[in-house]
N, C-alpha and C. Protein backbone atom coordinates (compact mmCIF):
# COMPACT_ATOMS: atom_id res chain seq x y z
N UNK A 1 0.82 -1.20 0.00
CA UNK A 1 0.00 0.00 0.00
C UNK A 1 0.86 1.26 0.00
N UNK A 2 2.01 1.16 0.61
CA UNK A 2 2.90 2.33 0.68
C UNK A 2 3.38 2.72 -0.72
N UNK A 3 3.74 1.74 -1.55
CA UNK A 3 4.20 2.03 -2.91
C UNK A 3 3.10 2.71 -3.72
N UNK A 4 1.88 2.25 -3.54
CA UNK A 4 0.75 2.84 -4.25
C UNK A 4 0.58 4.31 -3.86
N UNK A 5 0.61 4.58 -2.60
CA UNK A 5 0.44 5.96 -2.12
C UNK A 5 1.57 6.84 -2.62
N UNK A 6 2.79 6.34 -2.58
CA UNK A 6 3.93 7.14 -3.03
C UNK A 6 3.82 7.46 -4.52
N UNK A 7 3.25 6.54 -5.29
CA UNK A 7 3.09 6.77 -6.73
C UNK A 7 1.97 7.76 -7.02
N UNK A 8 0.90 7.69 -6.26
CA UNK A 8 -0.31 8.47 -6.55
C UNK A 8 -0.36 9.83 -5.86
N UNK A 9 0.43 10.04 -4.86
CA UNK A 9 0.33 11.28 -4.08
C UNK A 9 0.78 12.51 -4.89
N UNK A 10 0.24 13.65 -4.55
CA UNK A 10 0.60 14.87 -5.26
C UNK A 10 1.80 15.60 -4.65
N UNK A 11 2.55 14.95 -3.81
CA UNK A 11 3.66 15.58 -3.10
C UNK A 11 4.94 15.57 -3.92
N UNK A 12 5.90 16.31 -3.45
CA UNK A 12 7.21 16.35 -4.11
C UNK A 12 7.88 14.99 -4.03
N UNK A 13 8.58 14.63 -5.08
CA UNK A 13 9.21 13.31 -5.16
C UNK A 13 10.34 13.14 -4.14
N UNK A 14 10.90 14.23 -3.64
CA UNK A 14 12.01 14.12 -2.71
C UNK A 14 11.56 13.76 -1.29
N UNK A 15 10.24 13.74 -1.03
CA UNK A 15 9.76 13.32 0.28
C UNK A 15 9.82 11.79 0.34
N UNK A 16 10.56 11.28 1.30
CA UNK A 16 10.82 9.85 1.37
C UNK A 16 9.60 9.05 1.84
N UNK A 17 8.96 9.50 2.88
CA UNK A 17 7.85 8.77 3.47
C UNK A 17 6.52 9.46 3.16
N UNK A 18 5.47 8.67 2.85
CA UNK A 18 4.16 9.30 2.67
C UNK A 18 3.63 9.81 4.01
N UNK A 19 2.84 10.85 3.96
CA UNK A 19 2.25 11.43 5.17
C UNK A 19 0.80 10.98 5.30
N UNK A 20 0.19 11.15 6.47
CA UNK A 20 -1.24 10.85 6.59
C UNK A 20 -2.08 11.61 5.55
N UNK A 21 -1.68 12.83 5.23
CA UNK A 21 -2.41 13.60 4.21
C UNK A 21 -2.34 12.92 2.85
N UNK A 22 -1.21 12.27 2.55
CA UNK A 22 -1.07 11.54 1.29
C UNK A 22 -2.08 10.39 1.22
N UNK A 23 -2.19 9.64 2.32
CA UNK A 23 -3.14 8.53 2.36
C UNK A 23 -4.58 9.02 2.21
N UNK A 24 -4.89 10.12 2.86
CA UNK A 24 -6.24 10.68 2.75
C UNK A 24 -6.52 11.13 1.33
N UNK A 25 -5.56 11.75 0.68
CA UNK A 25 -5.74 12.20 -0.69
C UNK A 25 -5.99 11.02 -1.62
N UNK A 26 -5.19 9.97 -1.48
CA UNK A 26 -5.29 8.81 -2.37
C UNK A 26 -6.59 8.05 -2.16
N UNK A 27 -7.08 7.98 -0.93
CA UNK A 27 -8.30 7.20 -0.67
C UNK A 27 -9.50 7.77 -1.40
N UNK A 28 -9.58 9.09 -1.50
CA UNK A 28 -10.66 9.73 -2.22
C UNK A 28 -12.03 9.16 -1.86
N UNK A 29 -12.17 8.72 -0.62
CA UNK A 29 -13.46 8.21 -0.16
C UNK A 29 -13.78 6.80 -0.61
N UNK A 30 -12.86 6.09 -1.26
CA UNK A 30 -13.16 4.74 -1.72
C UNK A 30 -12.74 3.72 -0.68
N UNK A 31 -13.09 2.46 -0.92
CA UNK A 31 -12.73 1.40 0.00
C UNK A 31 -11.24 1.06 -0.16
N UNK A 32 -10.57 0.73 0.95
CA UNK A 32 -9.12 0.49 0.92
C UNK A 32 -8.67 -0.64 -0.01
N UNK A 33 -9.49 -1.67 -0.20
CA UNK A 33 -9.04 -2.78 -1.04
C UNK A 33 -8.90 -2.38 -2.51
N UNK A 34 -9.45 -1.23 -2.88
CA UNK A 34 -9.29 -0.74 -4.25
C UNK A 34 -7.85 -0.33 -4.54
N UNK A 35 -7.09 0.03 -3.50
CA UNK A 35 -5.68 0.36 -3.70
C UNK A 35 -4.93 -0.88 -4.18
N UNK A 36 -5.21 -2.03 -3.58
CA UNK A 36 -4.59 -3.28 -4.03
C UNK A 36 -4.95 -3.60 -5.46
N UNK A 37 -6.20 -3.36 -5.81
CA UNK A 37 -6.64 -3.60 -7.19
C UNK A 37 -5.91 -2.66 -8.15
N UNK A 38 -5.74 -1.42 -7.77
CA UNK A 38 -5.04 -0.46 -8.63
C UNK A 38 -3.57 -0.85 -8.81
N UNK A 39 -2.98 -1.46 -7.79
CA UNK A 39 -1.57 -1.86 -7.87
C UNK A 39 -1.34 -3.09 -8.73
N UNK A 40 -2.18 -4.11 -8.56
CA UNK A 40 -1.91 -5.39 -9.21
C UNK A 40 -2.92 -5.79 -10.26
N UNK A 41 -3.98 -5.00 -10.44
CA UNK A 41 -5.02 -5.39 -11.39
C UNK A 41 -5.90 -6.46 -10.76
N UNK A 42 -6.64 -7.16 -11.56
CA UNK A 42 -7.48 -8.23 -11.06
C UNK A 42 -8.82 -7.73 -10.56
N UNK A 43 -9.45 -8.56 -9.74
CA UNK A 43 -10.81 -8.29 -9.27
C UNK A 43 -10.81 -8.10 -7.76
N UNK A 44 -11.40 -7.00 -7.30
CA UNK A 44 -11.46 -6.70 -5.86
C UNK A 44 -12.72 -7.33 -5.26
N UNK A 45 -12.57 -7.85 -4.05
CA UNK A 45 -13.67 -8.46 -3.30
C UNK A 45 -13.76 -7.81 -1.93
N UNK A 46 -14.93 -7.91 -1.34
CA UNK A 46 -15.14 -7.38 0.00
C UNK A 46 -16.06 -8.33 0.75
N UNK A 47 -15.81 -8.52 2.04
CA UNK A 47 -16.66 -9.37 2.86
C UNK A 47 -16.89 -8.69 4.21
N UNK A 48 -18.16 -8.52 4.58
CA UNK A 48 -18.45 -8.00 5.92
C UNK A 48 -18.04 -9.05 6.95
N UNK A 49 -17.36 -8.64 7.99
CA UNK A 49 -16.85 -9.59 8.99
C UNK A 49 -17.94 -10.13 9.91
N UNK A 50 -19.13 -9.55 9.88
CA UNK A 50 -20.20 -10.01 10.75
C UNK A 50 -21.04 -11.11 10.10
N UNK A 51 -20.72 -11.51 8.87
CA UNK A 51 -21.45 -12.59 8.19
C UNK A 51 -20.71 -13.91 8.40
N UNK A 52 -21.38 -15.06 8.17
CA UNK A 52 -20.68 -16.35 8.30
C UNK A 52 -19.42 -16.42 7.41
N UNK A 53 -19.50 -15.90 6.19
CA UNK A 53 -18.33 -15.91 5.29
C UNK A 53 -17.20 -15.07 5.90
N UNK A 54 -17.55 -13.93 6.46
CA UNK A 54 -16.56 -13.07 7.08
C UNK A 54 -15.94 -13.68 8.32
N UNK A 55 -16.74 -14.36 9.12
CA UNK A 55 -16.24 -14.98 10.36
C UNK A 55 -15.24 -16.09 10.06
N UNK A 56 -15.38 -16.75 8.91
CA UNK A 56 -14.50 -17.87 8.56
C UNK A 56 -13.44 -17.51 7.53
N UNK A 57 -13.24 -16.24 7.28
CA UNK A 57 -12.38 -15.79 6.18
C UNK A 57 -10.94 -16.30 6.29
N UNK A 58 -10.42 -16.47 7.52
CA UNK A 58 -9.04 -16.91 7.72
C UNK A 58 -8.94 -18.39 8.11
N UNK A 59 -10.07 -19.11 8.10
CA UNK A 59 -10.06 -20.54 8.42
C UNK A 59 -9.44 -21.33 7.25
N UNK A 60 -9.07 -22.58 7.49
CA UNK A 60 -8.48 -23.40 6.43
C UNK A 60 -9.38 -23.47 5.21
N UNK A 61 -10.68 -23.49 5.43
CA UNK A 61 -11.62 -23.55 4.30
C UNK A 61 -12.12 -22.18 3.89
N UNK A 62 -11.62 -21.14 4.55
CA UNK A 62 -12.06 -19.78 4.24
C UNK A 62 -11.44 -19.24 2.95
N UNK A 63 -11.97 -18.14 2.49
CA UNK A 63 -11.54 -17.53 1.24
C UNK A 63 -10.05 -17.19 1.27
N UNK A 64 -9.55 -16.65 2.37
CA UNK A 64 -8.15 -16.23 2.44
C UNK A 64 -7.25 -17.27 3.10
N UNK A 65 -7.83 -18.11 3.97
CA UNK A 65 -7.06 -19.14 4.62
C UNK A 65 -6.11 -18.61 5.68
N UNK A 66 -5.47 -19.53 6.42
CA UNK A 66 -4.53 -19.13 7.47
C UNK A 66 -3.13 -18.88 6.89
N UNK A 67 -2.24 -18.36 7.73
CA UNK A 67 -0.85 -18.15 7.33
C UNK A 67 -0.64 -16.80 6.67
N UNK A 68 0.43 -16.70 5.89
CA UNK A 68 0.78 -15.46 5.21
C UNK A 68 -0.18 -15.24 4.05
N UNK A 69 -0.69 -14.02 3.91
CA UNK A 69 -1.61 -13.72 2.82
C UNK A 69 -0.86 -13.79 1.49
N UNK A 70 -1.49 -14.38 0.49
CA UNK A 70 -0.86 -14.54 -0.82
C UNK A 70 -1.35 -13.51 -1.82
N UNK A 71 -2.14 -12.56 -1.36
CA UNK A 71 -2.68 -11.50 -2.21
C UNK A 71 -2.85 -10.25 -1.37
N UNK A 72 -3.02 -9.09 -2.00
CA UNK A 72 -3.25 -7.88 -1.22
C UNK A 72 -4.57 -7.97 -0.43
N UNK A 73 -4.47 -7.80 0.89
CA UNK A 73 -5.65 -7.87 1.77
C UNK A 73 -5.64 -6.65 2.68
N UNK A 74 -6.79 -6.01 2.80
CA UNK A 74 -6.95 -4.88 3.71
C UNK A 74 -8.16 -5.09 4.59
N UNK A 75 -8.17 -4.37 5.69
CA UNK A 75 -9.32 -4.37 6.59
C UNK A 75 -9.42 -2.97 7.15
N UNK A 76 -10.58 -2.60 7.64
CA UNK A 76 -10.72 -1.26 8.21
C UNK A 76 -11.61 -1.30 9.43
N UNK A 77 -11.24 -0.44 10.38
CA UNK A 77 -11.91 -0.43 11.67
C UNK A 77 -13.30 0.20 11.57
N UNK A 78 -14.11 -0.17 12.52
CA UNK A 78 -15.43 0.45 12.66
C UNK A 78 -15.23 1.90 13.05
N UNK A 79 -16.20 2.71 12.74
CA UNK A 79 -16.09 4.13 13.11
C UNK A 79 -15.97 4.32 14.61
N UNK A 80 -16.51 3.37 15.37
CA UNK A 80 -16.49 3.51 16.82
C UNK A 80 -15.18 3.02 17.45
N UNK A 81 -14.36 2.29 16.71
CA UNK A 81 -13.12 1.76 17.29
C UNK A 81 -12.23 2.92 17.73
N UNK A 82 -11.87 2.89 18.98
CA UNK A 82 -10.95 3.89 19.49
C UNK A 82 -11.55 5.26 19.75
N UNK A 83 -12.86 5.42 19.52
CA UNK A 83 -13.42 6.76 19.69
C UNK A 83 -14.60 6.83 20.65
N UNK A 84 -15.14 5.72 21.07
CA UNK A 84 -16.30 5.77 21.97
C UNK A 84 -15.92 6.53 23.24
N UNK A 85 -14.81 6.14 23.81
CA UNK A 85 -14.26 6.85 24.97
C UNK A 85 -12.74 6.75 24.86
N UNK A 86 -12.03 7.61 25.54
CA UNK A 86 -10.57 7.46 25.53
C UNK A 86 -10.13 6.09 26.02
N UNK A 87 -10.94 5.46 26.89
CA UNK A 87 -10.58 4.14 27.40
C UNK A 87 -10.57 3.11 26.28
N UNK A 88 -11.50 3.20 25.31
CA UNK A 88 -11.51 2.25 24.20
C UNK A 88 -10.21 2.36 23.41
N UNK A 89 -9.77 3.58 23.12
CA UNK A 89 -8.49 3.76 22.43
C UNK A 89 -7.37 3.18 23.27
N UNK A 90 -7.37 3.48 24.57
CA UNK A 90 -6.31 2.99 25.44
C UNK A 90 -6.31 1.46 25.47
N UNK A 91 -7.49 0.85 25.43
CA UNK A 91 -7.59 -0.61 25.47
C UNK A 91 -7.17 -1.25 24.16
N UNK A 92 -7.55 -0.66 23.02
CA UNK A 92 -7.32 -1.32 21.73
C UNK A 92 -6.11 -0.80 20.96
N UNK A 93 -5.82 0.49 21.05
CA UNK A 93 -4.74 1.06 20.26
C UNK A 93 -5.06 1.15 18.78
N UNK A 94 -6.34 1.02 18.43
CA UNK A 94 -6.75 1.04 17.02
C UNK A 94 -7.33 2.39 16.66
N UNK A 95 -7.02 2.85 15.46
CA UNK A 95 -7.56 4.12 14.96
C UNK A 95 -8.97 3.90 14.40
N UNK A 96 -9.85 4.83 14.64
CA UNK A 96 -11.21 4.78 14.12
C UNK A 96 -11.24 5.01 12.62
N UNK A 97 -12.08 4.27 11.91
CA UNK A 97 -12.26 4.41 10.45
C UNK A 97 -10.92 4.44 9.72
N UNK A 98 -10.07 3.47 10.05
CA UNK A 98 -8.71 3.45 9.53
C UNK A 98 -8.43 2.10 8.87
N UNK A 99 -7.73 2.12 7.75
CA UNK A 99 -7.40 0.90 7.03
C UNK A 99 -6.06 0.34 7.51
N UNK A 100 -5.99 -0.97 7.54
CA UNK A 100 -4.77 -1.70 7.87
C UNK A 100 -4.56 -2.78 6.81
N UNK A 101 -3.32 -3.09 6.49
CA UNK A 101 -3.02 -4.23 5.63
C UNK A 101 -3.05 -5.48 6.51
N UNK A 102 -3.63 -6.55 6.00
CA UNK A 102 -3.61 -7.84 6.69
C UNK A 102 -2.44 -8.62 6.11
N UNK A 103 -1.45 -8.89 6.94
CA UNK A 103 -0.27 -9.61 6.48
C UNK A 103 -0.44 -11.12 6.59
N UNK A 104 -1.23 -11.55 7.57
CA UNK A 104 -1.45 -12.99 7.74
C UNK A 104 -2.00 -13.32 9.10
N UNK A 105 -1.95 -14.61 9.41
CA UNK A 105 -2.39 -15.09 10.72
C UNK A 105 -1.26 -15.93 11.32
N UNK A 106 -1.22 -15.95 12.62
CA UNK A 106 -0.21 -16.73 13.34
C UNK A 106 -0.84 -18.05 13.80
N UNK A 107 -0.04 -19.08 14.05
CA UNK A 107 -0.60 -20.33 14.57
C UNK A 107 -1.41 -20.13 15.85
N UNK A 108 -1.09 -19.09 16.62
CA UNK A 108 -1.82 -18.79 17.87
C UNK A 108 -3.22 -18.25 17.59
N UNK A 109 -3.51 -17.91 16.32
CA UNK A 109 -4.80 -17.32 15.98
C UNK A 109 -4.77 -15.80 15.88
N UNK A 110 -3.67 -15.19 16.27
CA UNK A 110 -3.53 -13.73 16.14
C UNK A 110 -3.54 -13.34 14.66
N UNK A 111 -4.15 -12.22 14.37
CA UNK A 111 -4.19 -11.69 13.01
C UNK A 111 -3.14 -10.58 12.93
N UNK A 112 -2.23 -10.71 11.96
CA UNK A 112 -1.11 -9.79 11.83
C UNK A 112 -1.52 -8.65 10.89
N UNK A 113 -1.39 -7.43 11.40
CA UNK A 113 -1.80 -6.23 10.67
C UNK A 113 -0.63 -5.29 10.52
N UNK A 114 -0.71 -4.43 9.52
CA UNK A 114 0.26 -3.34 9.39
C UNK A 114 -0.49 -2.05 9.22
N UNK A 115 -0.20 -1.10 10.09
CA UNK A 115 -0.74 0.24 9.98
C UNK A 115 0.04 0.94 8.87
N UNK A 116 -0.61 1.41 7.81
CA UNK A 116 0.14 2.02 6.70
C UNK A 116 0.90 3.28 7.10
N UNK A 117 0.53 3.89 8.21
CA UNK A 117 1.30 5.04 8.68
C UNK A 117 2.62 4.61 9.30
N UNK A 118 2.80 3.29 9.48
CA UNK A 118 4.04 2.79 10.06
C UNK A 118 4.11 2.97 11.56
N UNK A 119 2.96 3.22 12.19
CA UNK A 119 2.91 3.48 13.63
C UNK A 119 2.44 2.22 14.35
N UNK A 120 3.22 1.79 15.30
CA UNK A 120 2.82 0.68 16.16
C UNK A 120 2.62 1.26 17.55
N UNK A 121 1.48 1.01 18.13
CA UNK A 121 1.21 1.51 19.47
C UNK A 121 1.82 0.56 20.49
N UNK A 122 1.82 0.99 21.72
CA UNK A 122 2.34 0.09 22.76
C UNK A 122 1.48 -1.17 22.81
N UNK A 123 2.10 -2.25 23.18
CA UNK A 123 1.40 -3.53 23.24
C UNK A 123 0.34 -3.49 24.34
N UNK A 124 -0.83 -3.96 24.02
CA UNK A 124 -1.96 -3.97 24.94
C UNK A 124 -2.46 -5.41 25.11
N UNK A 125 -3.47 -5.58 25.96
CA UNK A 125 -4.09 -6.89 26.11
C UNK A 125 -4.64 -7.33 24.75
N UNK A 126 -4.39 -8.56 24.39
CA UNK A 126 -4.86 -9.07 23.09
C UNK A 126 -3.82 -8.94 21.99
N UNK A 127 -2.69 -8.30 22.27
CA UNK A 127 -1.61 -8.15 21.28
C UNK A 127 -0.57 -9.25 21.51
N UNK A 128 -0.06 -9.80 20.43
CA UNK A 128 1.05 -10.75 20.53
C UNK A 128 2.34 -9.97 20.73
N UNK A 129 3.35 -10.64 21.24
CA UNK A 129 4.64 -9.98 21.39
C UNK A 129 5.70 -10.87 20.76
N UNK A 130 6.86 -10.28 20.54
CA UNK A 130 7.97 -11.06 20.01
C UNK A 130 8.06 -11.02 18.50
N UNK A 131 8.28 -12.20 17.90
CA UNK A 131 8.52 -12.30 16.47
C UNK A 131 7.44 -13.15 15.80
N UNK A 132 7.19 -12.85 14.54
CA UNK A 132 6.30 -13.67 13.70
C UNK A 132 7.18 -14.30 12.64
N UNK A 133 7.31 -15.63 12.71
CA UNK A 133 8.12 -16.36 11.74
C UNK A 133 7.21 -16.83 10.62
N UNK A 134 7.37 -16.23 9.44
CA UNK A 134 6.51 -16.57 8.30
C UNK A 134 7.02 -17.78 7.53
N UNK A 135 8.20 -18.25 7.89
CA UNK A 135 8.83 -19.32 7.13
C UNK A 135 9.83 -18.76 6.14
N UNK A 136 9.49 -17.63 5.52
CA UNK A 136 10.39 -16.97 4.57
C UNK A 136 11.17 -15.85 5.23
N UNK A 137 10.60 -15.27 6.28
CA UNK A 137 11.28 -14.20 7.01
C UNK A 137 10.72 -14.11 8.41
N UNK A 138 11.43 -13.40 9.26
CA UNK A 138 10.99 -13.18 10.64
C UNK A 138 10.69 -11.70 10.79
N UNK A 139 9.50 -11.41 11.30
CA UNK A 139 9.03 -10.03 11.44
C UNK A 139 8.89 -9.71 12.93
N UNK A 140 9.46 -8.59 13.34
CA UNK A 140 9.32 -8.15 14.73
C UNK A 140 7.98 -7.46 14.90
N UNK A 141 7.21 -7.93 15.88
CA UNK A 141 5.89 -7.36 16.14
C UNK A 141 6.01 -6.08 16.95
N UNK A 142 5.01 -5.23 16.82
CA UNK A 142 4.92 -3.96 17.54
C UNK A 142 6.07 -3.02 17.17
N UNK A 143 6.45 -3.06 15.91
CA UNK A 143 7.49 -2.20 15.38
C UNK A 143 7.17 -1.91 13.91
N UNK A 144 7.43 -0.69 13.47
CA UNK A 144 7.18 -0.29 12.08
C UNK A 144 5.73 -0.50 11.63
N UNK A 145 4.82 -0.38 12.57
CA UNK A 145 3.41 -0.49 12.23
C UNK A 145 2.87 -1.91 12.20
N UNK A 146 3.71 -2.91 12.42
CA UNK A 146 3.26 -4.32 12.37
C UNK A 146 2.87 -4.76 13.77
N UNK A 147 1.67 -5.29 13.88
CA UNK A 147 1.17 -5.77 15.16
C UNK A 147 0.29 -6.99 14.91
N UNK A 148 0.07 -7.77 15.93
CA UNK A 148 -0.80 -8.95 15.81
C UNK A 148 -1.78 -8.91 16.98
N UNK A 149 -3.07 -9.04 16.65
CA UNK A 149 -4.11 -8.97 17.68
C UNK A 149 -4.93 -10.26 17.66
N UNK A 150 -5.58 -10.55 18.78
CA UNK A 150 -6.42 -11.75 18.85
C UNK A 150 -7.58 -11.63 17.88
N UNK A 151 -8.10 -12.78 17.48
CA UNK A 151 -9.25 -12.79 16.59
C UNK A 151 -10.44 -12.08 17.24
N UNK A 152 -10.61 -12.25 18.55
CA UNK A 152 -11.71 -11.58 19.24
C UNK A 152 -11.59 -10.06 19.13
N UNK A 153 -10.42 -9.52 19.37
CA UNK A 153 -10.19 -8.08 19.24
C UNK A 153 -10.41 -7.63 17.79
N UNK A 154 -9.95 -8.43 16.85
CA UNK A 154 -10.12 -8.12 15.43
C UNK A 154 -11.60 -8.03 15.06
N UNK A 155 -12.37 -9.06 15.37
CA UNK A 155 -13.78 -9.08 14.96
C UNK A 155 -14.64 -8.06 15.72
N UNK A 156 -14.23 -7.67 16.91
CA UNK A 156 -14.97 -6.64 17.64
C UNK A 156 -14.73 -5.24 17.08
N UNK A 157 -13.60 -5.01 16.44
CA UNK A 157 -13.24 -3.66 16.04
C UNK A 157 -13.13 -3.40 14.55
N UNK A 158 -13.24 -4.43 13.73
CA UNK A 158 -13.14 -4.25 12.28
C UNK A 158 -14.46 -4.64 11.62
N UNK A 159 -14.83 -3.89 10.58
CA UNK A 159 -16.09 -4.12 9.87
C UNK A 159 -15.97 -5.05 8.67
N UNK A 160 -14.96 -4.80 7.84
CA UNK A 160 -14.84 -5.49 6.57
C UNK A 160 -13.42 -5.96 6.32
N UNK A 161 -13.29 -6.92 5.42
CA UNK A 161 -12.00 -7.29 4.88
C UNK A 161 -12.16 -7.27 3.35
N UNK A 162 -11.15 -6.75 2.67
CA UNK A 162 -11.17 -6.69 1.21
C UNK A 162 -9.88 -7.26 0.65
N UNK A 163 -9.95 -7.87 -0.52
CA UNK A 163 -8.76 -8.44 -1.13
C UNK A 163 -8.88 -8.36 -2.64
N UNK A 164 -7.75 -8.59 -3.29
CA UNK A 164 -7.71 -8.53 -4.73
C UNK A 164 -7.17 -9.85 -5.28
N UNK A 165 -7.95 -10.48 -6.15
CA UNK A 165 -7.47 -11.64 -6.88
C UNK A 165 -6.79 -11.12 -8.13
N UNK A 166 -5.53 -11.50 -8.30
CA UNK A 166 -4.80 -11.00 -9.46
C UNK A 166 -5.19 -11.75 -10.71
N UNK A 167 -4.93 -11.12 -11.84
CA UNK A 167 -5.23 -11.76 -13.13
C UNK A 167 -4.38 -13.00 -13.30
N UNK A 168 -4.96 -14.04 -13.84
CA UNK A 168 -4.22 -15.29 -14.09
C UNK A 168 -3.70 -15.33 -15.51
């Protein structure tokens, strides 16, 4: 998602990192999974997480399956996540109405997310700690915007998941 924003943003090319304003400009009010479609082509899909299909999306028989995602996948928080009271933000560390990349799932059931702003909040209840070994690489959690949260925390605070099937 970062490469897409850097390509599409109206900012000077000498700026190394995209800013929150760049992400807001690029979104143009559309759903986050459209960025993946714009990057790789193919067909974009969306699933509400409150439906049976959404609840099983990361299961072995689910659309995306467990482990490392093999296609661009995004999810976005409910408008109420982190904003009902300051305590909700303190408890979850999630931004309201904000998109995250879904990197995969851990054997523990934690869902690994990346905040496109590159911001990782302090670890809270429901967050995994340590390293995520994908088999191909090892990723440090709670650093550079990468975090892993329990499925319960995920389904309570996120509305939808979107992905892009690339052209065959």
